[in-house]
Amino acid sequence: MSHPHEQLDIENDHEDPDGYATWAIGIGGSFIMIATVALSCGIYYRAASSEAFDKSVNIRYEQRDMVRDAQHAVLLESAHWVSEHDEESGEETTRLVLPIHDAMDIIAGNAK
């Protein structure tokens, strides 16, 4: 590509953009990106905390009482008292024993 040598139009030659415009676009784009990320994080954490509140605090009392009664029934059904006699001290200790598979079922929410 050749340019005519007689006439050069330097005033209308816009090869390089203005430096201030480049900085303004870069800084403006950075602010928009930071605002977008902050807004997205806010939406996510708002939804996560709302879900946690609904799961742990805002449950219905009937459902909570029903689960607690089912767990209590499993405890009464499978737990039993064991008496042990210590020969060294001569004391007799009594403790409540619950089979481990029943305890795991209660924790997992698989109450009978």
PDB file of N, CA and C in Angstrom:
ATOM      1  N   MET A   1       0.837  -1.167   0.000  1.00  0.00           N
ATOM      2  CA  MET A   1       0.000   0.000   0.000  1.00  0.00           C
ATOM      3  C   MET A   1       0.882   1.229   0.000  1.00  0.00           C
ATOM      4  N   SER A   2       0.591   2.023  -0.884  1.00  0.00           N
ATOM      5  CA  SER A   2       1.395   3.249  -0.976  1.00  0.00           C
ATOM      6  C   SER A   2       0.495   4.451  -0.793  1.00  0.00           C
ATOM      7  N   HIS A   3       1.049   5.440  -0.178  1.00  0.00           N
ATOM      8  CA  HIS A   3       0.329   6.695   0.029  1.00  0.00           C
ATOM      9  C   HIS A   3       0.901   7.727  -0.925  1.00  0.00           C
ATOM     10  N   PRO A   4       0.042   8.588  -1.321  1.00  0.00           N
ATOM     11  CA  PRO A   4       0.602   9.651  -2.178  1.00  0.00           C
ATOM     12  C   PRO A   4       1.525  10.538  -1.347  1.00  0.00           C
ATOM     13  N   HIS A   5       2.657  10.859  -1.903  1.00  0.00           N
ATOM     14  CA  HIS A   5       3.659  11.613  -1.171  1.00  0.00           C
ATOM     15  C   HIS A   5       3.390  13.105  -1.163  1.00  0.00           C
ATOM     16  N   GLU A   6       2.533  13.534  -2.032  1.00  0.00           N
ATOM     17  CA  GLU A   6       2.340  14.971  -2.079  1.00  0.00           C
ATOM     18  C   GLU A   6       1.450  15.505  -0.976  1.00  0.00           C
ATOM     19  N   GLN A   7       0.469  14.757  -0.551  1.00  0.00           N
ATOM     20  CA  GLN A   7      -0.508  15.315   0.376  1.00  0.00           C
ATOM     21  C   GLN A   7      -0.702  14.372   1.568  1.00  0.00           C
ATOM     22  N   LEU A   8      -0.300  14.803   2.750  1.00  0.00           N
ATOM     23  CA  LEU A   8      -0.501  14.033   3.966  1.00  0.00           C
ATOM     24  C   LEU A   8      -1.495  14.775   4.858  1.00  0.00           C
ATOM     25  N   ASP A   9      -2.539  14.084   5.268  1.00  0.00           N
ATOM     26  CA  ASP A   9      -3.566  14.696   6.118  1.00  0.00           C
ATOM     27  C   ASP A   9      -3.345  14.206   7.547  1.00  0.00           C
ATOM     28  N   ILE A  10      -2.524  14.885   8.304  1.00  0.00           N
ATOM     29  CA  ILE A  10      -2.164  14.465   9.651  1.00  0.00           C
ATOM     30  C   ILE A  10      -3.266  14.808  10.646  1.00  0.00           C
ATOM     31  N   GLU A  11      -4.013  15.850  10.430  1.00  0.00           N
ATOM     32  CA  GLU A  11      -5.057  16.255  11.380  1.00  0.00           C
ATOM     33  C   GLU A  11      -6.195  15.243  11.456  1.00  0.00           C
ATOM     34  N   ASN A  12      -6.551  14.614  10.376  1.00  0.00           N
ATOM     35  CA  ASN A  12      -7.660  13.656  10.365  1.00  0.00           C
ATOM     36  C   ASN A  12      -7.187  12.210  10.506  1.00  0.00           C
ATOM     37  N   ASP A  13      -5.919  12.016  10.795  1.00  0.00           N
ATOM     38  CA  ASP A  13      -5.389  10.673  10.976  1.00  0.00           C
ATOM     39  C   ASP A  13      -5.630  10.244  12.426  1.00  0.00           C
ATOM     40  N   HIS A  14      -6.466   9.231  12.633  1.00  0.00           N
ATOM     41  CA  HIS A  14      -6.828   8.788  13.987  1.00  0.00           C
ATOM     42  C   HIS A  14      -6.423   7.333  14.186  1.00  0.00           C
ATOM     43  N   GLU A  15      -5.166   7.036  14.072  1.00  0.00           N
ATOM     44  CA  GLU A  15      -4.689   5.683  14.279  1.00  0.00           C
ATOM     45  C   GLU A  15      -4.741   5.295  15.747  1.00  0.00           C
ATOM     46  N   ASP A  16      -4.207   6.104  16.614  1.00  0.00           N
ATOM     47  CA  ASP A  16      -4.181   5.810  18.045  1.00  0.00           C
ATOM     48  C   ASP A  16      -5.331   6.539  18.736  1.00  0.00           C
ATOM     49  N   PRO A  17      -6.052   5.825  19.637  1.00  0.00           N
ATOM     50  CA  PRO A  17      -7.124   6.508  20.361  1.00  0.00           C
ATOM     51  C   PRO A  17      -6.555   7.474  21.389  1.00  0.00           C
ATOM     52  N   ASP A  18      -7.411   8.338  21.843  1.00  0.00           N
ATOM     53  CA  ASP A  18      -7.019   9.311  22.855  1.00  0.00           C
ATOM     54  C   ASP A  18      -6.694   8.583  24.161  1.00  0.00           C
ATOM     55  N   GLY A  19      -5.650   8.989  24.838  1.00  0.00           N
ATOM     56  CA  GLY A  19      -5.222   8.336  26.069  1.00  0.00           C
ATOM     57  C   GLY A  19      -6.238   8.458  27.180  1.00  0.00           C
ATOM     58  N   TYR A  20      -6.878   9.610  27.309  1.00  0.00           N
ATOM     59  CA  TYR A  20      -7.882   9.804  28.368  1.00  0.00           C
ATOM     60  C   TYR A  20      -9.111   8.935  28.131  1.00  0.00           C
ATOM     61  N   ALA A  21      -9.495   8.763  26.888  1.00  0.00           N
ATOM     62  CA  ALA A  21     -10.649   7.914  26.585  1.00  0.00           C
ATOM     63  C   ALA A  21     -10.336   6.457  26.921  1.00  0.00           C
ATOM     64  N   THR A  22      -9.115   6.027  26.650  1.00  0.00           N
ATOM     65  CA  THR A  22      -8.721   4.657  26.972  1.00  0.00           C
ATOM     66  C   THR A  22      -8.760   4.424  28.482  1.00  0.00           C
ATOM     67  N   TRP A  23      -8.219   5.370  29.252  1.00  0.00           N
ATOM     68  CA  TRP A  23      -8.260   5.261  30.705  1.00  0.00           C
ATOM     69  C   TRP A  23      -9.694   5.301  31.229  1.00  0.00           C
ATOM     70  N   ALA A  24     -10.514   6.154  30.692  1.00  0.00           N
ATOM     71  CA  ALA A  24     -11.903   6.281  31.142  1.00  0.00           C
ATOM     72  C   ALA A  24     -12.672   4.992  30.878  1.00  0.00           C
ATOM     73  N   ILE A  25     -12.481   4.411  29.704  1.00  0.00           N
ATOM     74  CA  ILE A  25     -13.171   3.157  29.379  1.00  0.00           C
ATOM     75  C   ILE A  25     -12.663   2.026  30.272  1.00  0.00           C
ATOM     76  N   GLY A  26     -11.359   1.972  30.523  1.00  0.00           N
ATOM     77  CA  GLY A  26     -10.802   0.931  31.388  1.00  0.00           C
ATOM     78  C   GLY A  26     -11.291   1.041  32.815  1.00  0.00           C
ATOM     79  N   ILE A  27     -11.273   2.239  33.365  1.00  0.00           N
ATOM     80  CA  ILE A  27     -11.732   2.434  34.750  1.00  0.00           C
ATOM     81  C   ILE A  27     -13.234   2.210  34.853  1.00  0.00           C
ATOM     82  N   GLY A  28     -13.990   2.723  33.890  1.00  0.00           N
ATOM     83  CA  GLY A  28     -15.447   2.506  33.893  1.00  0.00           C
ATOM     84  C   GLY A  28     -15.798   1.028  33.776  1.00  0.00           C
ATOM     85  N   GLY A  29     -15.082   0.309  32.901  1.00  0.00           N
ATOM     86  CA  GLY A  29     -15.312  -1.133  32.770  1.00  0.00           C
ATOM     87  C   GLY A  29     -14.972  -1.885  34.045  1.00  0.00           C
ATOM     88  N   SER A  30     -13.916  -1.449  34.722  1.00  0.00           N
ATOM     89  CA  SER A  30     -13.546  -2.084  35.996  1.00  0.00           C
ATOM     90  C   SER A  30     -14.628  -1.888  37.047  1.00  0.00           C
ATOM     91  N   PHE A  31     -15.159  -0.671  37.143  1.00  0.00           N
ATOM     92  CA  PHE A  31     -16.231  -0.412  38.104  1.00  0.00           C
ATOM     93  C   PHE A  31     -17.475  -1.227  37.785  1.00  0.00           C
ATOM     94  N   ILE A  32     -17.808  -1.334  36.524  1.00  0.00           N
ATOM     95  CA  ILE A  32     -18.990  -2.125  36.135  1.00  0.00           C
ATOM     96  C   ILE A  32     -18.769  -3.594  36.469  1.00  0.00           C
ATOM     97  N   MET A  33     -17.560  -4.102  36.216  1.00  0.00           N
ATOM     98  CA  MET A  33     -17.276  -5.501  36.531  1.00  0.00           C
ATOM     99  C   MET A  33     -17.330  -5.745  38.039  1.00  0.00           C
ATOM    100  N   ILE A  34     -16.734  -4.862  38.829  1.00  0.00           N
ATOM    101  CA  ILE A  34     -16.750  -5.016  40.288  1.00  0.00           C
ATOM    102  C   ILE A  34     -18.179  -4.938  40.818  1.00  0.00           C
ATOM    103  N   ALA A  35     -18.967  -4.021  40.271  1.00  0.00           N
ATOM    104  CA  ALA A  35     -20.363  -3.907  40.710  1.00  0.00           C
ATOM    105  C   ALA A  35     -21.152  -5.157  40.344  1.00  0.00           C
ATOM    106  N   THR A  36     -20.897  -5.722  39.176  1.00  0.00           N
ATOM    107  CA  THR A  36     -21.600  -6.931  38.758  1.00  0.00           C
ATOM    108  C   THR A  36     -21.239  -8.110  39.658  1.00  0.00           C
ATOM    109  N   VAL A  37     -19.966  -8.264  39.966  1.00  0.00           N
ATOM    110  CA  VAL A  37     -19.535  -9.364  40.845  1.00  0.00           C
ATOM    111  C   VAL A  37     -20.105  -9.176  42.243  1.00  0.00           C
ATOM    112  N   ALA A  38     -20.072  -7.955  42.763  1.00  0.00           N
ATOM    113  CA  ALA A  38     -20.615  -7.697  44.102  1.00  0.00           C
ATOM    114  C   ALA A  38     -22.115  -7.959  44.147  1.00  0.00           C
ATOM    115  N   LEU A  39     -22.821  -7.556  43.117  1.00  0.00           N
ATOM    116  CA  LEU A  39     -24.260  -7.794  43.055  1.00  0.00           C
ATOM    117  C   LEU A  39     -24.556  -9.290  42.973  1.00  0.00           C
ATOM    118  N   SER A  40     -23.788 -10.006  42.164  1.00  0.00           N
ATOM    119  CA  SER A  40     -23.986 -11.455  42.050  1.00  0.00           C
ATOM    120  C   SER A  40     -23.715 -12.150  43.376  1.00  0.00           C
ATOM    121  N   CYS A  41     -22.642 -11.756  44.067  1.00  0.00           N
ATOM    122  CA  CYS A  41     -22.338 -12.342  45.382  1.00  0.00           C
ATOM    123  C   CYS A  41     -23.443 -12.025  46.386  1.00  0.00           C
ATOM    124  N   GLY A  42     -23.955 -10.817  46.342  1.00  0.00           N
ATOM    125  CA  GLY A  42     -25.041 -10.442  47.244  1.00  0.00           C
ATOM    126  C   GLY A  42     -26.289 -11.272  47.019  1.00  0.00           C
ATOM    127  N   ILE A  43     -26.625 -11.494  45.758  1.00  0.00           N
ATOM    128  CA  ILE A  43     -27.798 -12.316  45.433  1.00  0.00           C
ATOM    129  C   ILE A  43     -27.583 -13.744  45.910  1.00  0.00           C
ATOM    130  N   TYR A  44     -26.384 -14.282  45.670  1.00  0.00           N
ATOM    131  CA  TYR A  44     -26.097 -15.658  46.073  1.00  0.00           C
ATOM    132  C   TYR A  44     -26.174 -15.812  47.599  1.00  0.00           C
ATOM    133  N   TYR A  45     -25.481 -14.959  48.340  1.00  0.00           N
ATOM    134  CA  TYR A  45     -25.467 -15.096  49.796  1.00  0.00           C
ATOM    135  C   TYR A  45     -26.824 -14.787  50.418  1.00  0.00           C
ATOM    136  N   ARG A  46     -27.598 -13.933  49.800  1.00  0.00           N
ATOM    137  CA  ARG A  46     -28.963 -13.675  50.284  1.00  0.00           C
ATOM    138  C   ARG A  46     -29.810 -14.936  50.134  1.00  0.00           C
ATOM    139  N   ALA A  47     -29.686 -15.595  48.979  1.00  0.00           N
ATOM    140  CA  ALA A  47     -30.444 -16.827  48.762  1.00  0.00           C
ATOM    141  C   ALA A  47     -29.971 -17.935  49.695  1.00  0.00           C
ATOM    142  N   ALA A  48     -28.667 -18.038  49.910  1.00  0.00           N
ATOM    143  CA  ALA A  48     -28.133 -19.084  50.789  1.00  0.00           C
ATOM    144  C   ALA A  48     -28.564 -18.863  52.239  1.00  0.00           C
ATOM    145  N   SER A  49     -28.521 -17.629  52.710  1.00  0.00           N
ATOM    146  CA  SER A  49     -28.924 -17.378  54.094  1.00  0.00           C
ATOM    147  C   SER A  49     -30.431 -17.533  54.261  1.00  0.00           C
ATOM    148  N   SER A  50     -31.194 -17.181  53.245  1.00  0.00           N
ATOM    149  CA  SER A  50     -32.643 -17.362  53.306  1.00  0.00           C
ATOM    150  C   SER A  50     -32.989 -18.848  53.367  1.00  0.00           C
ATOM    151  N   GLU A  51     -32.270 -19.653  52.576  1.00  0.00           N
ATOM    152  CA  GLU A  51     -32.515 -21.087  52.585  1.00  0.00           C
ATOM    153  C   GLU A  51     -32.137 -21.693  53.930  1.00  0.00           C
ATOM    154  N   ALA A  52     -31.005 -21.259  54.492  1.00  0.00           N
ATOM    155  CA  ALA A  52     -30.591 -21.763  55.798  1.00  0.00           C
ATOM    156  C   ALA A  52     -31.588 -21.364  56.873  1.00  0.00           C
ATOM    157  N   PHE A  53     -32.113 -20.151  56.795  1.00  0.00           N
ATOM    158  CA  PHE A  53     -33.106 -19.705  57.768  1.00  0.00           C
ATOM    159  C   PHE A  53     -34.368 -20.542  57.654  1.00  0.00           C
ATOM    160  N   ASP A  54     -34.809 -20.812  56.424  1.00  0.00           N
ATOM    161  CA  ASP A  54     -36.011 -21.617  56.235  1.00  0.00           C
ATOM    162  C   ASP A  54     -35.822 -23.045  56.731  1.00  0.00           C
ATOM    163  N   LYS A  55     -34.621 -23.585  56.564  1.00  0.00           N
ATOM    164  CA  LYS A  55     -34.385 -24.968  56.973  1.00  0.00           C
ATOM    165  C   LYS A  55     -34.222 -25.118  58.478  1.00  0.00           C
ATOM    166  N   SER A  56     -33.584 -24.160  59.142  1.00  0.00           N
ATOM    167  CA  SER A  56     -33.278 -24.362  60.547  1.00  0.00           C
ATOM    168  C   SER A  56     -34.213 -23.621  61.499  1.00  0.00           C
ATOM    169  N   VAL A  57     -34.693 -22.455  61.150  1.00  0.00           N
ATOM    170  CA  VAL A  57     -35.458 -21.649  62.079  1.00  0.00           C
ATOM    171  C   VAL A  57     -36.942 -21.671  61.758  1.00  0.00           C
ATOM    172  N   ASN A  58     -37.256 -21.628  60.504  1.00  0.00           N
ATOM    173  CA  ASN A  58     -38.621 -21.389  60.088  1.00  0.00           C
ATOM    174  C   ASN A  58     -39.375 -22.682  59.782  1.00  0.00           C
ATOM    175  N   ILE A  59     -39.056 -23.789  60.476  1.00  0.00           N
ATOM    176  CA  ILE A  59     -39.784 -25.023  60.224  1.00  0.00           C
ATOM    177  C   ILE A  59     -41.100 -24.999  60.991  1.00  0.00           C
ATOM    178  N   ARG A  60     -41.997 -25.792  60.555  1.00  0.00           N
ATOM    179  CA  ARG A  60     -43.294 -25.844  61.227  1.00  0.00           C
ATOM    180  C   ARG A  60     -43.173 -26.620  62.534  1.00  0.00           C
ATOM    181  N   TYR A  61     -43.903 -26.178  63.530  1.00  0.00           N
ATOM    182  CA  TYR A  61     -43.819 -26.808  64.833  1.00  0.00           C
ATOM    183  C   TYR A  61     -44.362 -28.229  64.809  1.00  0.00           C
ATOM    184  N   GLU A  62     -45.382 -28.477  64.021  1.00  0.00           N
ATOM    185  CA  GLU A  62     -45.950 -29.826  63.966  1.00  0.00           C
ATOM    186  C   GLU A  62     -44.939 -30.804  63.400  1.00  0.00           C
ATOM    187  N   GLN A  63     -44.247 -30.387  62.350  1.00  0.00           N
ATOM    188  CA  GLN A  63     -43.245 -31.253  61.740  1.00  0.00           C
ATOM    189  C   GLN A  63     -42.097 -31.513  62.716  1.00  0.00           C
ATOM    190  N   ARG A  64     -41.659 -30.472  63.402  1.00  0.00           N
ATOM    191  CA  ARG A  64     -40.567 -30.625  64.368  1.00  0.00           C
ATOM    192  C   ARG A  64     -40.984 -31.559  65.492  1.00  0.00           C
ATOM    193  N   ASP A  65     -42.191 -31.383  66.011  1.00  0.00           N
ATOM    194  CA  ASP A  65     -42.674 -32.234  67.102  1.00  0.00           C
ATOM    195  C   ASP A  65     -42.847 -33.682  66.643  1.00  0.00           C
ATOM    196  N   MET A  66     -43.284 -33.866  65.405  1.00  0.00           N
ATOM    197  CA  MET A  66     -43.472 -35.205  64.870  1.00  0.00           C
ATOM    198  C   MET A  66     -42.125 -35.931  64.761  1.00  0.00           C
ATOM    199  N   VAL A  67     -41.104 -35.234  64.285  1.00  0.00           N
ATOM    200  CA  VAL A  67     -39.772 -35.834  64.165  1.00  0.00           C
ATOM    201  C   VAL A  67     -39.218 -36.145  65.551  1.00  0.00           C
ATOM    202  N   ARG A  68     -39.383 -35.229  66.487  1.00  0.00           N
ATOM    203  CA  ARG A  68     -38.882 -35.456  67.840  1.00  0.00           C
ATOM    204  C   ARG A  68     -39.592 -36.635  68.499  1.00  0.00           C
ATOM    205  N   ASP A  69     -40.907 -36.755  68.309  1.00  0.00           N
ATOM    206  CA  ASP A  69     -41.646 -37.881  68.887  1.00  0.00           C
ATOM    207  C   ASP A  69     -41.224 -39.209  68.272  1.00  0.00           C
ATOM    208  N   ALA A  70     -40.960 -39.213  66.964  1.00  0.00           N
ATOM    209  CA  ALA A  70     -40.499 -40.444  66.308  1.00  0.00           C
ATOM    210  C   ALA A  70     -39.128 -40.851  66.841  1.00  0.00           C
ATOM    211  N   GLN A  71     -38.243 -39.886  67.019  1.00  0.00           N
ATOM    212  CA  GLN A  71     -36.923 -40.191  67.568  1.00  0.00           C
ATOM    213  C   GLN A  71     -37.032 -40.692  69.008  1.00  0.00           C
ATOM    214  N   HIS A  72     -37.910 -40.102  69.780  1.00  0.00           N
ATOM    215  CA  HIS A  72     -38.107 -40.529  71.164  1.00  0.00           C
ATOM    216  C   HIS A  72     -38.666 -41.954  71.219  1.00  0.00           C
ATOM    217  N   ALA A  73     -39.576 -42.273  70.307  1.00  0.00           N
ATOM    218  CA  ALA A  73     -40.141 -43.624  70.279  1.00  0.00           C
ATOM    219  C   ALA A  73     -39.068 -44.654  69.935  1.00  0.00           C
ATOM    220  N   VAL A  74     -38.182 -44.320  69.002  1.00  0.00           N
ATOM    221  CA  VAL A  74     -37.096 -45.249  68.664  1.00  0.00           C
ATOM    222  C   VAL A  74     -36.166 -45.431  69.849  1.00  0.00           C
ATOM    223  N   LEU A  75     -35.897 -44.358  70.569  1.00  0.00           N
ATOM    224  CA  LEU A  75     -35.040 -44.470  71.757  1.00  0.00           C
ATOM    225  C   LEU A  75     -35.679 -45.374  72.817  1.00  0.00           C
ATOM    226  N   LEU A  76     -36.977 -45.187  73.063  1.00  0.00           N
ATOM    227  CA  LEU A  76     -37.652 -45.995  74.073  1.00  0.00           C
ATOM    228  C   LEU A  76     -37.740 -47.450  73.657  1.00  0.00           C
ATOM    229  N   GLU A  77     -37.864 -47.692  72.367  1.00  0.00           N
ATOM    230  CA  GLU A  77     -38.029 -49.054  71.882  1.00  0.00           C
ATOM    231  C   GLU A  77     -36.711 -49.844  71.932  1.00  0.00           C
ATOM    232  N   SER A  78     -35.607 -49.210  71.566  1.00  0.00           N
ATOM    233  CA  SER A  78     -34.371 -49.976  71.425  1.00  0.00           C
ATOM    234  C   SER A  78     -33.375 -49.773  72.560  1.00  0.00           C
ATOM    235  N   ALA A  79     -33.538 -48.758  73.359  1.00  0.00           N
ATOM    236  CA  ALA A  79     -32.589 -48.518  74.448  1.00  0.00           C
ATOM    237  C   ALA A  79     -32.935 -49.404  75.644  1.00  0.00           C
ATOM    238  N   HIS A  80     -31.898 -49.786  76.358  1.00  0.00           N
ATOM    239  CA  HIS A  80     -32.120 -50.579  77.565  1.00  0.00           C
ATOM    240  C   HIS A  80     -31.021 -50.244  78.575  1.00  0.00           C
ATOM    241  N   TRP A  81     -31.353 -50.520  79.848  1.00  0.00           N
ATOM    242  CA  TRP A  81     -30.428 -50.201  80.932  1.00  0.00           C
ATOM    243  C   TRP A  81     -29.525 -51.391  81.199  1.00  0.00           C
ATOM    244  N   VAL A  82     -28.253 -51.094  81.455  1.00  0.00           N
ATOM    245  CA  VAL A  82     -27.279 -52.130  81.769  1.00  0.00           C
ATOM    246  C   VAL A  82     -26.661 -51.788  83.121  1.00  0.00           C
ATOM    247  N   SER A  83     -26.648 -52.776  84.033  1.00  0.00           N
ATOM    248  CA  SER A  83     -26.030 -52.587  85.351  1.00  0.00           C
ATOM    249  C   SER A  83     -24.696 -53.318  85.368  1.00  0.00           C
ATOM    250  N   GLU A  84     -23.688 -52.609  85.835  1.00  0.00           N
ATOM    251  CA  GLU A  84     -22.359 -53.210  85.933  1.00  0.00           C
ATOM    252  C   GLU A  84     -21.862 -53.074  87.370  1.00  0.00           C
ATOM    253  N   HIS A  85     -21.189 -54.111  87.817  1.00  0.00           N
ATOM    254  CA  HIS A  85     -20.656 -54.115  89.182  1.00  0.00           C
ATOM    255  C   HIS A  85     -19.141 -54.026  89.100  1.00  0.00           C
ATOM    256  N   ASP A  86     -18.563 -52.996  89.753  1.00  0.00           N
ATOM    257  CA  ASP A  86     -17.114 -52.816  89.793  1.00  0.00           C
ATOM    258  C   ASP A  86     -16.598 -53.541  91.029  1.00  0.00           C
ATOM    259  N   GLU A  87     -15.776 -54.558  90.803  1.00  0.00           N
ATOM    260  CA  GLU A  87     -15.310 -55.390  91.917  1.00  0.00           C
ATOM    261  C   GLU A  87     -14.275 -54.677  92.774  1.00  0.00           C
ATOM    262  N   GLU A  88     -13.494 -53.759  92.192  1.00  0.00           N
ATOM    263  CA  GLU A  88     -12.465 -53.063  92.969  1.00  0.00           C
ATOM    264  C   GLU A  88     -13.071 -52.090  93.975  1.00  0.00           C
ATOM    265  N   SER A  89     -14.024 -51.288  93.511  1.00  0.00           N
ATOM    266  CA  SER A  89     -14.603 -50.293  94.408  1.00  0.00           C
ATOM    267  C   SER A  89     -15.897 -50.775  95.052  1.00  0.00           C
ATOM    268  N   GLY A  90     -16.497 -51.800  94.488  1.00  0.00           N
ATOM    269  CA  GLY A  90     -17.729 -52.324  95.047  1.00  0.00           C
ATOM    270  C   GLY A  90     -18.960 -51.529  94.642  1.00  0.00           C
ATOM    271  N   GLU A  91     -18.812 -50.611  93.683  1.00  0.00           N
ATOM    272  CA  GLU A  91     -19.950 -49.794  93.242  1.00  0.00           C
ATOM    273  C   GLU A  91     -20.666 -50.464  92.074  1.00  0.00           C
ATOM    274  N   GLU A  92     -21.943 -50.193  92.032  1.00  0.00           N
ATOM    275  CA  GLU A  92     -22.727 -50.689  90.912  1.00  0.00           C
ATOM    276  C   GLU A  92     -23.161 -49.479  90.085  1.00  0.00           C
ATOM    277  N   THR A  93     -22.847 -49.505  88.781  1.00  0.00           N
ATOM    278  CA  THR A  93     -23.202 -48.394  87.891  1.00  0.00           C
ATOM    279  C   THR A  93     -24.276 -48.856  86.918  1.00  0.00           C
ATOM    280  N   THR A  94     -25.156 -47.957  86.643  1.00  0.00           N
ATOM    281  CA  THR A  94     -26.238 -48.230  85.704  1.00  0.00           C
ATOM    282  C   THR A  94     -26.135 -47.211  84.570  1.00  0.00           C
ATOM    283  N   ARG A  95     -26.195 -47.697  83.331  1.00  0.00           N
ATOM    284  CA  ARG A  95     -26.130 -46.785  82.195  1.00  0.00           C
ATOM    285  C   ARG A  95     -27.115 -47.222  81.119  1.00  0.00           C
ATOM    286  N   LEU A  96     -27.528 -46.273  80.325  1.00  0.00           N
ATOM    287  CA  LEU A  96     -28.465 -46.517  79.236  1.00  0.00           C
ATOM    288  C   LEU A  96     -27.675 -46.849  77.981  1.00  0.00           C
ATOM    289  N   VAL A  97     -28.015 -47.941  77.315  1.00  0.00           N
ATOM    290  CA  VAL A  97     -27.289 -48.401  76.138  1.00  0.00           C
ATOM    291  C   VAL A  97     -28.232 -48.350  74.938  1.00  0.00           C
ATOM    292  N   LEU A  98     -27.693 -47.822  73.846  1.00  0.00           N
ATOM    293  CA  LEU A  98     -28.447 -47.740  72.593  1.00  0.00           C
ATOM    294  C   LEU A  98     -27.590 -48.364  71.497  1.00  0.00           C
ATOM    295  N   PRO A  99     -28.120 -49.348  70.756  1.00  0.00           N
ATOM    296  CA  PRO A  99     -27.339 -49.952  69.684  1.00  0.00           C
ATOM    297  C   PRO A  99     -26.942 -48.903  68.635  1.00  0.00           C
ATOM    298  N   ILE A 100     -25.745 -49.070  68.084  1.00  0.00           N
ATOM    299  CA  ILE A 100     -25.189 -48.056  67.187  1.00  0.00           C
ATOM    300  C   ILE A 100     -26.013 -47.917  65.899  1.00  0.00           C
ATOM    301  N   HIS A 101     -26.559 -48.997  65.391  1.00  0.00           N
ATOM    302  CA  HIS A 101     -27.345 -48.878  64.148  1.00  0.00           C
ATOM    303  C   HIS A 101     -28.631 -48.076  64.390  1.00  0.00           C
ATOM    304  N   ASP A 102     -29.207 -48.198  65.585  1.00  0.00           N
ATOM    305  CA  ASP A 102     -30.378 -47.381  65.896  1.00  0.00           C
ATOM    306  C   ASP A 102     -30.011 -45.914  66.070  1.00  0.00           C
ATOM    307  N   ALA A 103     -28.858 -45.657  66.668  1.00  0.00           N
ATOM    308  CA  ALA A 103     -28.400 -44.280  66.811  1.00  0.00           C
ATOM    309  C   ALA A 103     -28.146 -43.638  65.448  1.00  0.00           C
ATOM    310  N   MET A 104     -27.536 -44.410  64.528  1.00  0.00           N
ATOM    311  CA  MET A 104     -27.298 -43.877  63.178  1.00  0.00           C
ATOM    312  C   MET A 104     -28.598 -43.624  62.433  1.00  0.00           C
ATOM    313  N   ASP A 105     -29.585 -44.487  62.635  1.00  0.00           N
ATOM    314  CA  ASP A 105     -30.893 -44.273  61.989  1.00  0.00           C
ATOM    315  C   ASP A 105     -31.554 -43.001  62.516  1.00  0.00           C
ATOM    316  N   ILE A 106     -31.412 -42.748  63.800  1.00  0.00           N
ATOM    317  CA  ILE A 106     -31.999 -41.538  64.380  1.00  0.00           C
ATOM    318  C   ILE A 106     -31.315 -40.295  63.816  1.00  0.00           C
ATOM    319  N   ILE A 107     -29.990 -40.325  63.753  1.00  0.00           N
ATOM    320  CA  ILE A 107     -29.238 -39.184  63.225  1.00  0.00           C
ATOM    321  C   ILE A 107     -29.576 -38.958  61.746  1.00  0.00           C
ATOM    322  N   ALA A 108     -29.691 -40.021  60.978  1.00  0.00           N
ATOM    323  CA  ALA A 108     -29.976 -39.897  59.548  1.00  0.00           C
ATOM    324  C   ALA A 108     -31.432 -39.532  59.280  1.00  0.00           C
ATOM    325  N   GLY A 109     -32.273 -39.632  60.277  1.00  0.00           N
ATOM    326  CA  GLY A 109     -33.682 -39.292  60.090  1.00  0.00           C
ATOM    327  C   GLY A 109     -34.504 -40.460  59.587  1.00  0.00           C
ATOM    328  N   ASN A 110     -33.981 -41.658  59.718  1.00  0.00           N
ATOM    329  CA  ASN A 110     -34.700 -42.853  59.270  1.00  0.00           C
ATOM    330  C   ASN A 110     -35.389 -43.528  60.439  1.00  0.00           C
ATOM    331  N   ALA A 111     -36.033 -42.756  61.284  1.00  0.00           N
ATOM    332  CA  ALA A 111     -36.699 -43.329  62.457  1.00  0.00           C
ATOM    333  C   ALA A 111     -37.852 -44.196  62.007  1.00  0.00           C
ATOM    334  N   LYS A 112     -38.067 -45.273  62.738  1.00  0.00           N
ATOM    335  CA  LYS A 112     -39.130 -46.230  62.392  1.00  0.00           C
ATOM    336  C   LYS A 112     -40.491 -45.614  62.567  1.00  0.00           C
TER     337      LYS A 112
END
